[in-house]
Protein backbone atom coordinates (compact mmCIF):
# COMPACT_ATOMS: atom_id res chain seq x y z
CA MET A 1 146.40 19.42 -0.20
CA ASP A 2 145.75 23.06 0.71
CA MET A 3 149.15 24.83 1.00
CA ASN A 4 148.15 26.61 4.19
CA LYS A 5 147.07 23.33 5.81
CA GLU A 6 150.33 21.71 4.68
CA MET A 7 152.48 24.41 6.31
CA ASN A 8 150.36 24.29 9.47
CA LYS A 9 150.54 20.49 9.76
CA GLU A 10 152.52 20.83 13.01
CA MET A 11 149.56 22.55 14.63
CA ASP A 12 148.12 19.26 15.88
CA LYS A 13 151.04 19.22 18.36
CA ILE A 14 150.49 22.81 19.49
CA ASP A 15 147.99 24.52 21.77
CA ILE A 16 146.35 27.82 20.90
CA VAL A 17 146.35 29.89 24.09
CA ILE A 18 143.88 32.75 24.47
CA PRO A 19 143.34 35.10 27.43
CA VAL A 20 139.61 35.85 27.71
CA TYR A 21 137.85 38.50 29.77
CA TRP A 22 134.24 39.44 30.39
CA ASP A 23 134.31 42.18 27.77
CA SER A 24 135.58 39.75 25.11
CA ILE A 25 132.97 37.01 25.59
CA ALA A 26 131.07 38.16 22.49
CA CYS A 27 134.19 37.48 20.40
CA ALA A 28 134.92 34.23 22.24
CA GLU A 29 131.57 32.72 21.31
CA TRP A 30 132.31 32.77 17.59
CA ASN A 31 136.11 33.15 17.36
CA ILE A 32 137.19 30.16 19.44
CA PRO A 33 135.34 27.70 17.15
CA ARG A 34 136.63 29.67 14.14
CA LEU A 35 140.26 29.42 15.20
CA TYR A 36 139.89 25.71 15.89
CA GLU A 37 138.39 25.16 12.46
CA GLU A 38 141.13 27.23 10.84
CA PHE A 39 144.16 25.63 12.53
CA GLU A 40 143.01 22.30 14.00
CA PRO A 41 145.34 22.64 17.03
CA GLN A 42 145.99 20.07 19.74
CA LYS A 43 143.56 22.04 21.92
CA ILE A 44 142.56 25.59 22.75
CA VAL A 45 143.59 26.74 26.21
CA VAL A 46 141.46 29.60 27.50
CA ILE A 47 142.92 31.60 30.39
CA GLY A 48 140.45 33.76 32.26
CA PRO A 49 138.87 34.79 35.56
CA ALA A 50 136.94 32.29 37.66
CA GLY A 51 133.37 31.82 36.46
CA ILE A 52 133.93 32.91 32.88
CA GLU A 53 134.27 29.28 31.76
CA LYS A 54 130.48 28.96 32.06
CA GLU A 55 130.11 31.49 29.23
CA LEU A 56 132.53 29.78 26.83
CA PRO A 57 131.39 27.66 23.88
CA LYS A 58 130.80 24.05 24.94
CA ARG A 59 133.51 22.24 22.97
CA GLU A 60 135.60 19.23 23.99
CA TYR A 61 138.78 20.80 22.60
CA ILE A 62 138.60 23.76 25.04
CA GLU A 63 140.63 23.60 28.25
CA PHE A 64 140.02 26.34 30.80
CA VAL A 65 142.76 27.61 33.13
CA GLU A 66 141.79 29.99 35.94
CA GLU A 67 144.14 32.92 35.46
CA ASP A 68 145.29 33.34 39.07
CA SER A 69 146.46 29.71 39.17
CA LEU A 70 148.78 29.90 36.15
CA VAL A 71 151.89 31.48 37.73
CA PRO A 72 152.44 31.40 41.51
CA GLY A 73 152.11 34.91 42.92
CA LEU A 74 150.82 36.42 39.68
CA CYS A 75 147.29 37.78 39.83
CA LYS A 76 145.58 41.00 38.82
CA ASP A 77 145.51 42.27 42.40
CA ALA A 78 149.28 41.75 42.70
CA VAL A 79 149.88 43.65 39.45
CA SER A 80 147.58 46.42 40.70
CA SER A 81 149.48 46.59 43.98
CA CYS A 82 152.82 46.85 42.18
CA LEU A 83 151.50 49.64 39.94
CA ASP A 84 150.06 51.43 42.97
CA THR A 85 153.52 51.43 44.52
CA ILE A 86 155.18 52.71 41.35
CA LEU A 87 152.56 55.34 40.57
CA SER A 88 151.45 56.23 44.09
CA GLY A 89 147.91 54.99 43.74
CA SER A 90 147.20 54.60 40.00
CA SER A 91 146.67 51.08 38.67
CA ARG A 92 144.25 51.70 35.79
CA ARG A 93 146.23 49.58 33.31
CA ALA A 94 146.74 46.59 35.60
CA GLY A 95 144.53 44.29 33.50
CA TRP A 96 146.33 45.24 30.29
CA TYR A 97 149.75 44.38 31.72
CA TYR A 98 148.38 41.31 33.50
CA GLN A 99 147.16 39.63 30.30
CA GLN A 100 150.60 40.12 28.73
CA PHE A 101 152.26 38.45 31.72
CA LEU A 102 149.85 35.52 31.43
CA LYS A 103 150.86 34.98 27.81
CA LEU A 104 154.54 34.84 28.75
CA GLY A 105 153.93 32.94 31.98
CA TYR A 106 152.18 30.10 30.16
CA ALA A 107 155.63 28.95 29.01
CA LEU A 108 156.57 28.05 32.58
CA THR A 109 154.11 25.14 32.61
CA CYS A 110 153.89 24.36 28.88
CA LYS A 111 155.14 20.87 28.00
CA ASP A 112 155.19 21.42 24.23
CA GLU A 113 157.91 22.92 22.04
CA TYR A 114 155.64 25.77 20.92
CA TYR A 115 152.40 27.45 21.88
CA LEU A 116 150.40 29.85 19.76
CA ILE A 117 149.00 32.98 21.38
CA PHE A 118 145.97 34.77 19.99
CA ASP A 119 144.29 37.86 21.37
CA MET A 120 140.60 37.08 21.61
CA ASP A 121 139.63 40.01 19.38
CA THR A 122 141.80 38.83 16.48
CA THR A 123 141.20 36.16 13.86
CA THR A 124 142.97 35.12 10.67
CA LYS A 125 142.44 33.31 7.40
CA GLY A 126 145.19 31.75 5.28
CA VAL A 127 147.96 32.50 7.78
CA SER A 128 150.55 29.75 8.31
CA PHE A 129 152.89 29.61 11.29
CA PHE A 130 155.55 27.43 9.67
CA ASP A 131 157.25 28.14 6.37
CA SER A 132 157.86 25.65 3.56
CA ASN A 133 161.10 24.56 5.26
CA GLY A 134 159.37 23.87 8.56
CA LYS A 135 160.72 26.96 10.34
CA PRO A 136 158.37 28.83 12.70
CA LYS A 137 157.26 32.24 11.48
CA PHE A 138 157.00 35.70 12.96
CA TYR A 139 154.40 38.02 11.50
CA THR A 140 155.08 41.74 11.52
CA SER A 141 153.29 45.06 11.23
CA SER A 142 154.30 48.70 10.77
CA GLU A 143 153.50 49.80 14.33
CA ASN A 144 156.23 51.71 16.11
CA HIS A 145 156.28 52.32 19.86
CA GLN A 146 159.69 53.48 21.03
CA GLU A 147 158.65 53.09 24.67
CA TYR A 148 158.50 49.32 24.23
CA MET A 149 162.10 49.23 23.09
CA ASP A 150 163.09 51.63 25.88
CA THR A 151 161.69 49.13 28.38
CA LEU A 152 163.45 46.20 26.72
CA SER A 153 166.77 48.08 26.77
CA LYS A 154 166.41 48.37 30.55
CA LEU A 155 165.46 44.73 30.98
CA ILE A 156 168.49 43.55 28.98
CA PRO A 157 170.72 46.65 28.90
CA GLY A 158 173.18 47.40 26.12
CA VAL A 159 172.36 44.31 24.10
CA ILE A 160 169.12 44.48 22.16
CA THR A 161 168.22 47.07 19.55
CA LYS A 162 165.14 47.00 17.36
CA TYR A 163 165.51 44.22 14.79
CA ASP A 164 164.26 46.43 11.98
CA SER A 165 163.15 50.04 12.42
CA LYS A 166 160.47 49.61 9.75
CA ILE A 167 158.66 46.65 11.32
CA SER A 168 157.04 45.62 14.57
CA PHE A 169 156.20 42.20 15.98
CA ILE A 170 152.84 43.47 17.28
CA VAL A 171 150.14 41.68 15.32
CA ASN A 172 148.00 40.27 18.18
CA TYR A 173 149.13 36.69 17.62
CA MET A 174 152.48 34.95 17.90
CA LEU A 175 153.98 31.48 17.87
CA PHE A 176 156.15 31.25 20.99
CA LYS A 177 158.96 28.73 21.39
CA THR A 178 158.59 27.60 25.00
CA GLU A 179 162.32 27.25 25.63
CA TYR A 180 163.07 30.80 24.49
CA VAL A 181 160.29 32.37 26.54
CA CYS A 182 161.60 30.61 29.66
CA GLU A 183 165.11 31.75 28.77
CA LEU A 184 163.94 35.35 28.42
CA LEU A 185 162.02 35.30 31.71
CA ASP A 186 165.03 33.80 33.48
CA ILE A 187 167.29 36.61 32.24
CA ILE A 188 164.77 39.24 33.34
CA GLY A 189 164.28 37.53 36.69
CA LYS A 190 168.02 37.59 37.39
CA SER A 191 168.45 41.24 36.44
CA ASP A 192 169.29 43.96 38.99
CA ILE A 193 166.03 45.80 38.39
CA ARG A 194 163.87 46.33 41.47
CA GLY A 195 161.32 43.56 42.01
CA ASN A 196 161.01 40.06 43.43
CA CYS A 197 160.12 38.28 40.18
CA TRP A 198 160.26 38.72 36.42
CA TRP A 199 156.91 40.49 36.02
CA GLU A 200 157.60 42.94 38.86
CA LYS A 201 160.94 43.75 37.23
CA ILE A 202 159.17 44.41 33.92
CA LEU A 203 156.81 46.88 35.58
CA ASN A 204 159.67 48.58 37.40
CA SER A 205 161.61 48.94 34.15
CA ILE A 206 158.87 50.96 32.43
CA ASP A 207 159.31 54.72 32.41
CA VAL A 208 156.83 56.31 34.79
CA SER A 209 155.82 58.81 32.10
CA CYS A 210 154.29 56.08 29.92
CA ILE A 211 153.39 53.23 32.31
CA LYS A 212 149.87 54.62 32.74
CA GLU A 213 149.20 54.00 29.05
CA ALA A 214 151.42 51.48 27.26
CA GLY A 215 155.00 50.82 28.31
CA PHE A 216 155.57 47.17 27.48
CA SER A 217 154.74 44.70 24.73
CA GLU A 218 155.14 40.94 25.13
CA PHE A 219 155.19 40.51 21.34
CA GLU A 220 157.76 43.23 20.67
CA THR A 221 159.93 42.02 23.55
CA TYR A 222 159.97 38.35 22.56
CA GLY A 223 160.34 39.03 18.82
CA ASN A 224 163.33 41.34 19.20
CA TYR A 225 164.92 39.09 21.83
CA VAL A 226 164.73 36.04 19.57
CA MET A 227 166.00 37.87 16.50
CA LYS A 228 169.01 38.99 18.56
CA TYR A 229 169.91 35.69 20.23
CA HIS A 230 168.37 33.08 17.91
CA PRO A 231 168.17 34.84 14.53
CA GLU A 232 168.34 31.66 12.48
CA VAL A 233 165.32 29.96 14.06
CA TYR A 234 162.36 32.03 12.81
CA SER A 235 161.51 33.30 9.37
CA ILE A 236 159.62 36.58 8.96
CA ASP A 237 156.40 37.16 7.06
CA ASN A 238 153.80 39.85 6.71
CA ALA A 239 150.05 39.33 6.65
CA ARG A 240 147.54 41.68 5.08
CA GLN A 241 145.92 42.96 8.24
CA TYR A 242 143.42 45.51 9.42
CA ARG A 243 142.81 46.81 12.93
CA THR A 244 139.38 48.11 13.97
CA ILE A 245 137.58 45.93 11.43
CA ASP A 246 134.46 46.43 13.59
CA THR A 247 134.22 49.80 11.86
CA PHE A 248 132.93 47.85 8.86
CA ILE A 249 131.39 44.60 10.12
CA SER A 250 129.62 43.48 13.28
CA MET A 251 131.46 42.47 16.48
CA THR A 252 129.62 39.18 16.06
CA PRO A 253 130.12 38.77 12.31
CA THR A 254 128.22 36.41 10.08
CA ARG A 255 130.11 33.85 8.03
CA GLU A 256 129.23 35.91 4.96
CA GLN A 257 130.80 39.04 6.47
CA LEU A 258 133.98 37.18 7.37
CA GLU A 259 134.29 35.65 3.91
CA TRP A 260 133.87 39.11 2.40
CA VAL A 261 136.57 40.67 4.60
CA PHE A 262 138.99 37.76 4.14
CA LYS A 263 138.97 38.34 0.39
CA SER A 264 141.01 41.47 1.17
CA PHE A 265 142.75 40.75 4.48
CA GLU A 266 144.37 37.75 6.18
CA SER A 267 144.29 39.15 9.73
CA ILE A 268 141.56 41.28 11.33
CA THR A 269 141.05 42.71 14.81
CA PHE A 270 137.83 43.84 16.49
CA GLU A 271 138.74 46.73 18.78
CA ASP A 272 135.45 47.64 20.39
CA TRP A 273 136.67 51.02 21.66
CA ASN A 274 136.02 52.26 18.14
CA LYS A 275 132.69 54.14 18.16
CA ILE A 276 132.43 54.96 14.45
CA ASN A 277 131.05 52.35 12.10
CA TYR A 278 129.92 52.02 8.51
CA ILE A 279 128.30 48.62 8.89
CA HIS A 280 125.12 49.54 6.99
CA VAL A 281 127.14 51.05 4.15
CA CYS A 282 129.28 47.91 4.01
CA LYS A 283 126.23 45.68 3.75
CA LEU A 284 125.43 47.58 0.56
CA LEU A 285 129.01 47.17 -0.67
CA MET A 286 128.72 43.42 -0.09
CA LYS A 287 125.53 43.26 -2.17
CA LEU A 288 127.22 45.25 -4.94
CA GLY A 289 130.19 42.87 -4.90
CA LEU A 290 132.65 45.61 -3.94
CA PRO A 291 135.62 44.74 -1.67
CA VAL A 292 135.91 45.95 1.92
CA THR A 293 139.04 47.86 0.88
CA PHE A 294 136.73 50.28 -0.93
CA ALA A 295 135.51 51.39 2.51
CA THR A 296 138.76 50.99 4.46
CA THR A 297 140.76 53.09 2.00
CA ILE A 298 138.31 55.98 2.13
CA HIS A 299 138.05 55.75 5.92
CA ASP A 300 141.83 55.66 6.38
CA PHE A 301 142.31 58.62 4.04
CA ILE A 302 139.72 60.73 5.89
CA SER A 303 141.25 59.75 9.24
CA TYR A 304 144.69 60.77 7.97
CA ILE A 305 143.38 64.16 6.83
CA ILE A 306 141.71 64.75 10.21
CA VAL A 307 144.86 63.81 12.13
CA GLN A 308 147.04 66.02 9.96
CA SER A 309 144.58 68.91 10.26
CA ARG A 310 144.57 68.66 14.04
CA TYR A 311 148.37 68.51 14.09
CA HIS A 312 148.78 71.63 11.94
CA LEU A 313 146.02 73.51 13.80
CA ALA A 314 147.80 72.73 17.07
CA LYS A 315 151.06 74.11 15.64
CA VAL A 316 149.33 77.28 14.43
CA SER A 317 147.58 77.70 17.79
CA LYS A 318 150.90 77.32 19.58
CA ARG A 319 152.52 79.98 17.40
CA ILE A 320 149.64 82.39 17.94
CA ASN A 321 149.76 81.86 21.69
CA GLY A 322 153.49 82.43 21.57
CA MET A 323 153.03 85.70 19.71
CA PHE A 324 150.51 86.98 22.28
CA SER A 325 152.74 85.85 25.14
CA SER A 326 155.73 87.72 23.72
CA HIS A 327 153.71 90.93 23.50
CA SER A 328 152.22 90.72 26.96
């Protein structure tokens, strides 16, 4: 038996839960069937706005949940209203926070021991969510956003520090233990932070200076909470992953493209904000039998040089401006 299938044998008792929005339908059409084929879960629960279910693949294993019905009182308009109050009229990131709250809020009605969250733009190959001893697994990355930990320290003050300064739990998928999510939401809901419910308290705990961009992570929050209060339950693993894979293959990839990429990576994300792509070059690399890492390494190196150049130019510009200011 395939080792990955053996370690994922519990998946037939677990739902994969995926928030889907209109701008992710292109991914949904191919990735929902892919994830079902890869993991063979109990079912795939799609959470999204009313009407979007008509655009989903027609599969008997898909269950649609209208997003505003999941948690009483939680809807995008309510999140927007809360942000408007905090920021005096700016609610641009309401949808981004809303989808995180839906992922956590699913635990409040989930009847199973676990549920597996996937972002719609992310897919994997060869990833197992239980280790050889049957323990659930966290996957980690090297991302580091101090503002997420600052928010968590306000939600549960003086208790939680980052589990490991070198890793992050942000990988766009996570196996949640229902009991622990409910426990976490209960603690947040009972805190003294301003707000009438757990998600309002989360928003009110985010520093105003960063709430307009990214001030909270459901993955970072849950991962660090569990490793503080239930450190023996999960094991930790690391998948070979690449963000912005749409730089190299189509947003609606062929099976051949996916097989090519999965020879080098186990986890890939299609972030369609990325406007640069080398898809035609990569088609040539595929024909030549060269790995996708040939392109990703060069791209990442050039990106690093550009970022460093901008950083040093900004420092030089600041010094020059300072010199002129001191002489004026």
